[in-house]
Amino acid sequence: MKIKSLVIAMSFVAASGVASAGDYNAEAAAAPVDNSMFQSTIDGMNQVGGRYDTGLGPDWTKYVTIHGGLFTDAAFGERESVDGENNQRLSLTDGYVAVQATPNDWAKFDLTVNYSNADSSYGNATDNGDSVFVDQAYLTIGNEDRYPVFFQAGKQYAPFGHYDLFPISKSLGQVLTETNQTEVQVGFVVPKGLYGSVYTFQNDVPKDVGDSDPYNWGAALGFQQTNEMMSFNAGVGYLANMTGVQSVQDYVNNTGAYADNVGGAHAYGTEVDALAPYVSLKKGAFGLDLDYVSALTHFDKATLPYEVESTSGAQPTAFDSKVSYNFNKHDMDQQVFVGYQTSSEASALDIPEHRYAAGYNVYPWKNVMVGFQVNRDSEYNDSTVGNYSNGDDYYSYNLRAGVQF
């Protein structure tokens, strides 16, 4: 009897509890729930406090645009280990997503994330084994409608040289100028066409073991005019230390003999500055691009050599020329182009001495392209320093299918 009474009592208490809980939940559901304190506490525990506090509100899509692209390449022919060339038989050379945010009239943020499984000689972040990498991430402060001066800070391509970020094969001039660094830049853009900037970044290669914070800097000045009939762009870039260029930096870090002279650390011996002038002209269907880059003095031989028997180092230069013709046929935009490129004293950087290039691009649907390019390269002779210098000529053939949005 006592057990039966206890069971009845427990059942009554349980039923009363359920009823009370039901009444409580109904009242709570009727009132608004404030999760802000809970979420901010969690964010703080995860060290991301404030990261999501944009202040843009629910209409944030008005301030953000997203672009992207995908380029798949196939390579054939007598392929060599050439800097700027993708030697993979088949690869996703570039797949990228670019986000641009403009939270107000004075600020803009650009972020580009890439994926690539191209050969490391193509020069992407695959050099470090990273298939996914941040290509650019920088802030711009300025309002061109109200003031001609702008400020930028972050990871981006320095205004040294003039080139395409997504080529089938990088030109010789691009290999000698491409500089992607975390930098601070101040510049101006005048509505009448004049533009320029100065920038600085921490050089990845020091001059000696004790130089833990090596800094580099550069400047650019140009003039651009565009109308319905013609587009013209000309300028010049200056870089105070050419070891900031990706190809030279890679050589010093991976191959340079100067490391043996400073206790095994990667370093350079002589600081060499460089100039990179360019001209781009488009008139009607025709286009002309001329680009030149040259070191202004010689490197020491331990940093960047050239001739095997010489006691002095290289003074690398490169010249690119390209003529293009654009037309529309069968409701498809198309382009044909031919070009000539040459370099001097740059064999240690694994680029050819001469290159003849020709190609054809067609856009069968909106934002979709199919391209073909053939290169005839002539190597440096065997008296120069380089991984493949024997004076041979060879052909390479490259196919590309791409889409951009």
Protein backbone atom coordinates (compact mmCIF):
# COMPACT_ATOMS: atom_id res chain seq x y z
CA MET A 1 0.00 0.00 0.00
CA LYS A 2 2.85 2.36 0.86
CA ILE A 3 4.54 1.67 -2.51
CA LYS A 4 1.29 2.27 -4.34
CA SER A 5 0.79 5.60 -2.51
CA LEU A 6 4.40 6.64 -3.35
CA VAL A 7 3.94 5.92 -7.06
CA ILE A 8 0.71 7.95 -7.11
CA ALA A 9 2.43 10.86 -5.35
CA MET A 10 5.39 10.81 -7.76
CA SER A 11 3.07 10.74 -10.75
CA PHE A 12 1.19 13.74 -9.39
CA VAL A 13 4.44 15.71 -8.90
CA ALA A 14 5.66 14.82 -12.41
CA ALA A 15 2.35 15.85 -13.94
CA SER A 16 2.43 19.11 -12.02
CA GLY A 17 5.99 19.75 -13.23
CA VAL A 18 5.09 19.18 -16.86
CA ALA A 19 2.14 21.49 -16.58
CA SER A 20 4.29 24.19 -15.01
CA ALA A 21 7.00 23.79 -17.63
CA GLY A 22 4.42 24.03 -20.37
CA ASP A 23 3.05 27.24 -18.94
CA TYR A 24 6.59 28.69 -18.62
CA ASN A 25 7.61 27.88 -22.24
CA ALA A 26 4.45 29.48 -23.56
CA GLU A 27 5.29 32.71 -21.78
CA ALA A 28 8.91 32.63 -22.98
CA ALA A 29 7.84 32.05 -26.58
CA ALA A 30 5.66 35.13 -26.45
CA ALA A 31 8.64 37.34 -25.45
CA PRO A 32 11.55 38.27 -27.78
CA VAL A 33 14.81 36.42 -27.15
CA ASP A 34 18.07 38.42 -27.01
CA ASN A 35 21.04 36.25 -28.03
CA SER A 36 23.49 39.16 -28.40
CA MET A 37 25.24 38.63 -25.07
CA PHE A 38 25.47 34.86 -25.61
CA GLN A 39 26.89 35.24 -29.17
CA SER A 40 29.35 37.99 -28.23
CA THR A 41 30.61 35.82 -25.37
CA ILE A 42 31.15 32.87 -27.71
CA ASP A 43 32.89 35.14 -30.27
CA GLY A 44 35.16 36.45 -27.56
CA MET A 45 36.05 32.92 -26.44
CA ASN A 46 36.94 32.11 -30.06
CA GLN A 47 39.00 35.31 -30.46
CA VAL A 48 36.74 36.68 -33.20
CA GLY A 49 34.97 39.38 -31.21
CA GLY A 50 33.87 42.17 -33.55
CA ARG A 51 34.70 40.28 -36.74
CA TYR A 52 31.05 40.05 -37.81
CA ASP A 53 30.03 43.51 -36.61
CA THR A 54 29.90 45.11 -40.07
CA GLY A 55 27.26 47.70 -39.38
CA LEU A 56 25.95 47.23 -42.92
CA GLY A 57 22.63 45.78 -41.85
CA PRO A 58 20.45 43.28 -43.72
CA ASP A 59 20.98 45.06 -47.07
CA TRP A 60 24.72 44.27 -47.07
CA THR A 61 24.48 42.82 -50.60
CA LYS A 62 24.28 46.40 -51.90
CA TYR A 63 27.87 46.90 -50.78
CA VAL A 64 29.44 43.60 -51.86
CA THR A 65 30.14 42.21 -55.33
CA ILE A 66 31.53 38.77 -56.12
CA HIS A 67 33.42 37.78 -59.27
CA GLY A 68 35.23 34.61 -60.24
CA GLY A 69 36.89 32.60 -62.95
CA LEU A 70 38.18 29.16 -63.86
CA PHE A 71 40.94 28.34 -66.39
CA THR A 72 41.82 24.77 -67.36
CA ASP A 73 44.93 24.30 -69.52
CA ALA A 74 46.48 21.47 -71.50
CA ALA A 75 50.16 21.59 -72.54
CA PHE A 76 51.87 19.67 -75.34
CA GLY A 77 55.12 19.73 -77.28
CA GLU A 78 58.76 19.93 -76.26
CA ARG A 79 58.18 21.21 -72.77
CA GLU A 80 61.06 22.54 -70.69
CA SER A 81 61.36 23.80 -67.11
CA VAL A 82 60.78 27.45 -67.97
CA ASP A 83 59.83 30.03 -65.35
CA GLY A 84 56.34 31.32 -66.13
CA GLU A 85 55.33 28.20 -68.07
CA ASN A 86 52.83 25.63 -66.82
CA ASN A 87 54.40 22.25 -67.56
CA GLN A 88 51.51 20.13 -66.34
CA ARG A 89 49.94 18.08 -69.15
CA LEU A 90 46.49 18.97 -67.81
CA SER A 91 45.80 21.34 -64.94
CA LEU A 92 43.39 23.74 -63.37
CA THR A 93 45.78 26.65 -63.77
CA ASP A 94 43.66 29.28 -62.05
CA GLY A 95 40.38 29.11 -60.20
CA TYR A 96 39.58 32.23 -58.24
CA VAL A 97 36.87 34.05 -56.34
CA ALA A 98 37.21 37.83 -55.94
CA VAL A 99 35.14 39.72 -53.39
CA GLN A 100 34.93 43.51 -53.42
CA ALA A 101 33.23 45.37 -50.58
CA THR A 102 32.47 49.11 -50.59
CA PRO A 103 30.95 49.89 -47.16
CA ASN A 104 31.03 53.65 -47.84
CA ASP A 105 32.12 56.25 -50.41
CA TRP A 106 35.69 56.35 -49.12
CA ALA A 107 36.64 52.74 -48.43
CA LYS A 108 36.93 49.62 -50.57
CA PHE A 109 38.23 46.15 -49.74
CA ASP A 110 39.40 43.57 -52.30
CA LEU A 111 39.97 39.90 -51.55
CA THR A 112 40.98 37.25 -54.12
CA VAL A 113 41.36 33.59 -53.18
CA ASN A 114 42.89 31.23 -55.76
CA TYR A 115 43.14 27.52 -56.34
CA SER A 116 45.76 26.07 -58.68
CA ASN A 117 47.43 22.74 -59.34
CA ALA A 118 49.66 24.14 -62.07
CA ASP A 119 53.36 23.35 -62.16
CA SER A 120 55.31 25.40 -59.61
CA SER A 121 57.33 27.06 -62.40
CA TYR A 122 54.12 28.93 -63.34
CA GLY A 123 54.80 31.00 -60.25
CA ASN A 124 51.66 30.56 -58.16
CA ALA A 125 51.70 29.78 -54.45
CA THR A 126 52.20 26.13 -55.44
CA ASP A 127 55.89 26.91 -54.85
CA ASN A 128 55.11 26.35 -51.17
CA GLY A 129 52.82 23.41 -51.78
CA ASP A 130 49.70 25.52 -51.25
CA SER A 131 46.97 24.73 -53.76
CA VAL A 132 44.61 27.25 -52.13
CA PHE A 133 46.09 30.66 -51.36
CA VAL A 134 45.17 34.31 -50.89
CA ASP A 135 46.38 36.12 -54.00
CA GLN A 136 45.30 39.61 -52.99
CA ALA A 137 43.74 41.19 -49.89
CA TYR A 138 43.99 44.95 -49.56
CA LEU A 139 42.15 48.06 -48.44
CA THR A 140 41.77 51.21 -50.54
CA ILE A 141 40.84 54.54 -48.95
CA GLY A 142 39.94 57.33 -51.33
CA ASN A 143 37.16 58.99 -53.27
CA GLU A 144 38.15 59.86 -56.84
CA ASP A 145 35.07 62.05 -57.27
CA ARG A 146 36.12 64.33 -54.41
CA TYR A 147 39.89 63.95 -54.02
CA PRO A 148 42.56 62.54 -56.40
CA VAL A 149 44.74 60.92 -53.71
CA PHE A 150 44.29 57.32 -52.48
CA PHE A 151 45.86 55.06 -49.85
CA GLN A 152 46.21 51.27 -50.04
CA ALA A 153 47.45 48.67 -47.59
CA GLY A 154 47.59 44.87 -47.86
CA LYS A 155 48.73 42.07 -50.14
CA GLN A 156 48.65 43.07 -53.80
CA TYR A 157 50.65 43.30 -57.03
CA ALA A 158 53.06 46.23 -57.00
CA PRO A 159 52.82 48.71 -59.93
CA PHE A 160 56.12 47.51 -61.35
CA GLY A 161 55.64 46.34 -64.94
CA HIS A 162 52.46 45.89 -66.95
CA TYR A 163 51.06 42.40 -67.50
CA ASP A 164 48.13 39.98 -67.49
CA LEU A 165 47.31 38.18 -64.22
CA PHE A 166 45.86 35.12 -66.03
CA PRO A 167 48.07 34.39 -69.07
CA ILE A 168 48.43 30.96 -70.65
CA SER A 169 52.18 31.46 -70.30
CA LYS A 170 53.80 34.42 -68.57
CA SER A 171 55.89 36.65 -70.81
CA LEU A 172 59.60 37.12 -70.17
CA GLY A 173 58.94 40.67 -69.02
CA GLN A 174 56.27 39.50 -66.58
CA VAL A 175 58.66 36.98 -65.04
CA LEU A 176 61.16 39.81 -64.42
CA THR A 177 58.61 42.25 -62.93
CA GLU A 178 55.82 40.33 -61.15
CA THR A 179 55.93 41.45 -57.51
CA ASN A 180 53.18 40.37 -55.11
CA GLN A 181 53.84 41.69 -51.61
CA THR A 182 52.15 43.00 -48.49
CA GLU A 183 52.68 46.70 -49.03
CA VAL A 184 51.59 50.23 -48.14
CA GLN A 185 50.95 52.49 -51.12
CA VAL A 186 50.02 56.16 -51.57
CA GLY A 187 49.05 57.41 -55.01
CA PHE A 188 46.97 59.76 -57.11
CA VAL A 189 44.73 59.59 -60.18
CA VAL A 190 44.01 62.85 -62.00
CA PRO A 191 40.85 62.89 -64.18
CA LYS A 192 42.84 64.18 -67.15
CA GLY A 193 44.82 60.92 -67.21
CA LEU A 194 47.92 61.31 -65.06
CA TYR A 195 48.45 58.73 -62.29
CA GLY A 196 51.23 57.63 -59.99
CA SER A 197 52.15 56.14 -56.62
CA VAL A 198 54.93 55.29 -54.18
CA TYR A 199 54.93 52.10 -52.09
CA THR A 200 56.99 50.16 -49.60
CA PHE A 201 57.07 46.56 -48.35
CA GLN A 202 59.23 44.28 -46.25
CA ASN A 203 61.60 42.40 -48.53
CA ASP A 204 61.49 38.62 -48.08
CA VAL A 205 65.23 38.38 -48.81
CA PRO A 206 67.64 40.22 -46.43
CA LYS A 207 71.04 41.62 -47.36
CA ASP A 208 72.82 39.80 -44.54
CA VAL A 209 72.10 37.65 -41.51
CA GLY A 210 71.61 40.61 -39.16
CA ASP A 211 69.15 42.40 -41.46
CA SER A 212 65.96 41.06 -39.88
CA ASP A 213 63.69 43.84 -41.20
CA PRO A 214 64.76 44.58 -44.77
CA TYR A 215 62.54 47.09 -46.53
CA ASN A 216 62.05 47.72 -50.23
CA TRP A 217 60.24 50.49 -52.06
CA GLY A 218 59.17 51.57 -55.50
CA ALA A 219 57.37 54.26 -57.48
CA ALA A 220 55.25 54.45 -60.63
CA LEU A 221 54.12 57.23 -62.95
CA GLY A 222 51.85 56.98 -65.98
CA PHE A 223 49.35 58.61 -68.30
CA GLN A 224 46.14 57.10 -69.68
CA GLN A 225 43.50 58.32 -72.13
CA THR A 226 40.46 56.43 -73.42
CA ASN A 227 37.73 57.36 -75.90
CA GLU A 228 35.48 55.58 -78.40
CA MET A 229 38.19 55.36 -81.06
CA MET A 230 41.42 54.87 -79.13
CA SER A 231 42.89 53.81 -75.80
CA PHE A 232 46.41 54.84 -74.76
CA ASN A 233 48.35 53.95 -71.62
CA ALA A 234 52.04 54.58 -70.99
CA GLY A 235 54.12 54.67 -67.85
CA VAL A 236 57.21 53.57 -66.00
CA GLY A 237 57.79 51.70 -62.76
CA TYR A 238 60.84 51.83 -60.50
CA LEU A 239 61.88 49.23 -57.91
CA ALA A 240 64.73 49.99 -55.51
CA ASN A 241 65.71 46.35 -54.94
CA MET A 242 65.07 43.77 -57.65
CA THR A 243 65.17 40.87 -55.16
CA GLY A 244 61.57 41.89 -54.42
CA VAL A 245 60.55 40.43 -57.80
CA GLN A 246 59.19 36.91 -57.30
CA SER A 247 61.50 35.14 -59.78
CA VAL A 248 64.67 36.76 -58.38
CA GLN A 249 63.52 36.10 -54.83
CA ASP A 250 62.91 32.43 -55.64
CA TYR A 251 66.37 32.08 -57.18
CA VAL A 252 68.12 33.62 -54.16
CA ASN A 253 66.11 31.48 -51.73
CA ASN A 254 66.45 28.19 -53.63
CA THR A 255 69.65 28.38 -55.67
CA GLY A 256 71.68 31.48 -54.86
CA ALA A 257 75.27 30.77 -53.86
CA TYR A 258 75.49 33.86 -51.66
CA ALA A 259 73.82 31.92 -48.86
CA ASP A 260 77.07 29.99 -48.37
CA ASN A 261 78.95 33.24 -47.73
CA VAL A 262 76.73 34.42 -44.88
CA GLY A 263 76.46 31.39 -42.69
CA GLY A 264 73.87 29.52 -44.74
CA ALA A 265 71.16 32.21 -44.62
CA HIS A 266 69.30 33.21 -47.76
CA ALA A 267 70.53 36.69 -48.61
CA TYR A 268 71.75 38.95 -51.41
CA GLY A 269 75.07 40.73 -51.73
CA THR A 270 74.41 43.74 -53.97
CA GLU A 271 71.26 45.85 -54.00
CA VAL A 272 70.18 46.36 -57.62
CA ASP A 273 67.41 48.72 -58.70
CA ALA A 274 65.38 48.42 -61.91
CA LEU A 275 63.13 50.32 -64.33
CA ALA A 276 60.08 48.97 -66.19
CA PRO A 277 58.56 51.29 -68.86
CA TYR A 278 55.50 50.23 -70.90
CA VAL A 279 53.21 51.44 -73.69
CA SER A 280 49.77 50.06 -74.57
CA LEU A 281 47.82 51.35 -77.56
CA LYS A 282 44.43 50.19 -78.87
CA LYS A 283 42.94 51.80 -81.96
CA GLY A 284 39.80 50.28 -83.41
CA ALA A 285 40.30 46.53 -83.73
CA PHE A 286 44.10 46.66 -83.41
CA GLY A 287 46.20 46.60 -80.26
CA LEU A 288 49.90 47.09 -79.56
CA ASP A 289 51.69 46.35 -76.29
CA LEU A 290 55.37 47.10 -75.62
CA ASP A 291 56.98 46.33 -72.26
CA TYR A 292 60.59 46.58 -71.13
CA VAL A 293 62.38 45.91 -67.86
CA SER A 294 66.04 46.27 -66.97
CA ALA A 295 68.23 46.11 -63.91
CA LEU A 296 70.19 49.36 -63.71
CA THR A 297 73.40 47.76 -62.42
CA HIS A 298 74.97 44.30 -62.19
CA PHE A 299 74.23 41.85 -59.41
CA ASP A 300 77.24 40.29 -57.74
CA LYS A 301 77.89 36.83 -59.12
CA ALA A 302 77.04 35.04 -55.88
CA THR A 303 73.54 36.57 -55.84
CA LEU A 304 72.60 36.23 -59.54
CA PRO A 305 75.23 34.89 -61.98
CA TYR A 306 75.24 34.93 -65.78
CA GLU A 307 78.36 33.72 -67.62
CA VAL A 308 80.14 30.74 -66.13
CA GLU A 309 83.64 32.18 -66.60
CA SER A 310 82.77 35.76 -65.62
CA THR A 311 83.56 37.25 -62.22
CA SER A 312 80.64 39.72 -62.41
CA GLY A 313 76.97 38.95 -62.01
CA ALA A 314 73.98 39.41 -64.28
CA GLN A 315 72.20 42.59 -65.31
CA PRO A 316 68.92 41.01 -66.46
CA THR A 317 66.62 42.68 -69.00
CA ALA A 318 63.54 41.64 -70.97
CA PHE A 319 61.47 43.11 -73.80
CA ASP A 320 57.93 42.05 -74.77
CA SER A 321 56.02 43.05 -77.88
CA LYS A 322 52.53 41.96 -78.92
CA VAL A 323 50.21 42.91 -81.80
CA SER A 324 46.56 41.83 -81.61
CA TYR A 325 43.47 42.05 -83.81
CA ASN A 326 39.94 41.76 -82.40
CA PHE A 327 36.88 40.94 -84.50
CA ASN A 328 33.41 39.43 -84.34
CA LYS A 329 32.45 36.53 -86.60
CA HIS A 330 29.35 34.31 -86.36
CA ASP A 331 28.25 36.36 -83.33
CA MET A 332 31.41 35.42 -81.46
CA ASP A 333 34.12 37.81 -80.25
CA GLN A 334 37.54 36.60 -81.40
CA GLN A 335 41.16 37.66 -81.21
CA VAL A 336 44.38 36.72 -82.96
CA PHE A 337 47.80 37.88 -81.80
CA VAL A 338 51.51 37.52 -82.51
CA GLY A 339 54.41 38.55 -80.32
CA TYR A 340 58.16 38.59 -79.90
CA GLN A 341 59.98 38.51 -76.56
CA THR A 342 63.65 38.58 -75.72
CA SER A 343 65.81 38.65 -72.60
CA SER A 344 69.45 39.17 -71.78
CA GLU A 345 71.61 37.95 -68.89
CA ALA A 346 68.62 36.15 -67.37
CA SER A 347 69.51 32.49 -67.95
CA ALA A 348 69.84 31.78 -64.21
CA LEU A 349 66.12 32.61 -63.86
CA ASP A 350 65.23 29.79 -66.27
CA ILE A 351 63.68 31.87 -69.04
CA PRO A 352 64.58 31.63 -72.75
CA GLU A 353 66.69 34.17 -74.59
CA HIS A 354 64.13 34.57 -77.42
CA ARG A 355 60.46 33.71 -77.82
CA TYR A 356 58.06 33.93 -80.76
CA ALA A 357 54.41 33.56 -79.75
CA ALA A 358 51.12 33.35 -81.63
CA GLY A 359 47.61 32.66 -80.42
CA TYR A 360 43.89 32.68 -81.03
CA ASN A 361 41.05 33.27 -78.54
CA VAL A 362 37.34 32.83 -79.19
CA TYR A 363 34.34 33.53 -76.94
CA PRO A 364 31.59 31.12 -78.10
CA TRP A 365 29.20 32.15 -75.29
CA LYS A 366 29.04 35.04 -72.90
CA ASN A 367 31.98 34.99 -70.44
CA VAL A 368 33.29 31.70 -71.87
CA MET A 369 36.59 31.55 -73.79
CA VAL A 370 38.61 28.92 -75.63
CA GLY A 371 42.20 29.77 -76.46
CA PHE A 372 45.27 28.35 -78.15
CA GLN A 373 48.87 29.57 -77.96
CA VAL A 374 52.10 28.29 -79.49
CA ASN A 375 55.55 29.42 -78.36
CA ARG A 376 58.90 28.92 -80.06
CA ASP A 377 61.64 29.41 -77.48
CA SER A 378 65.40 29.67 -77.99
CA GLU A 379 67.53 28.86 -74.98
CA TYR A 380 70.71 30.54 -73.82
CA ASN A 381 73.91 28.78 -74.88
CA ASP A 382 75.90 26.51 -72.60
CA SER A 383 78.40 29.22 -71.57
CA THR A 384 75.74 30.82 -69.39
CA VAL A 385 74.38 29.80 -65.99
CA GLY A 386 71.02 28.04 -66.01
CA ASN A 387 69.35 24.70 -65.41
CA TYR A 388 68.83 23.94 -69.09
CA SER A 389 71.21 26.24 -71.03
CA ASN A 390 72.28 24.47 -74.20
CA GLY A 391 71.18 26.78 -77.02
CA ASP A 392 68.34 24.58 -78.32
CA ASP A 393 65.07 25.73 -79.89
CA TYR A 394 61.76 24.07 -79.00
CA TYR A 395 58.01 24.48 -79.43
CA SER A 396 55.25 24.33 -76.84
CA TYR A 397 51.50 24.21 -77.50
CA ASN A 398 48.88 25.24 -74.99
CA LEU A 399 45.09 24.91 -75.00
CA ARG A 400 42.81 26.75 -72.58
CA ALA A 401 39.12 26.64 -71.67
CA GLY A 402 37.94 29.30 -69.26
CA VAL A 403 34.91 31.02 -67.80
CA GLN A 404 34.58 34.28 -65.86
CA PHE A 405 31.60 35.84 -64.14
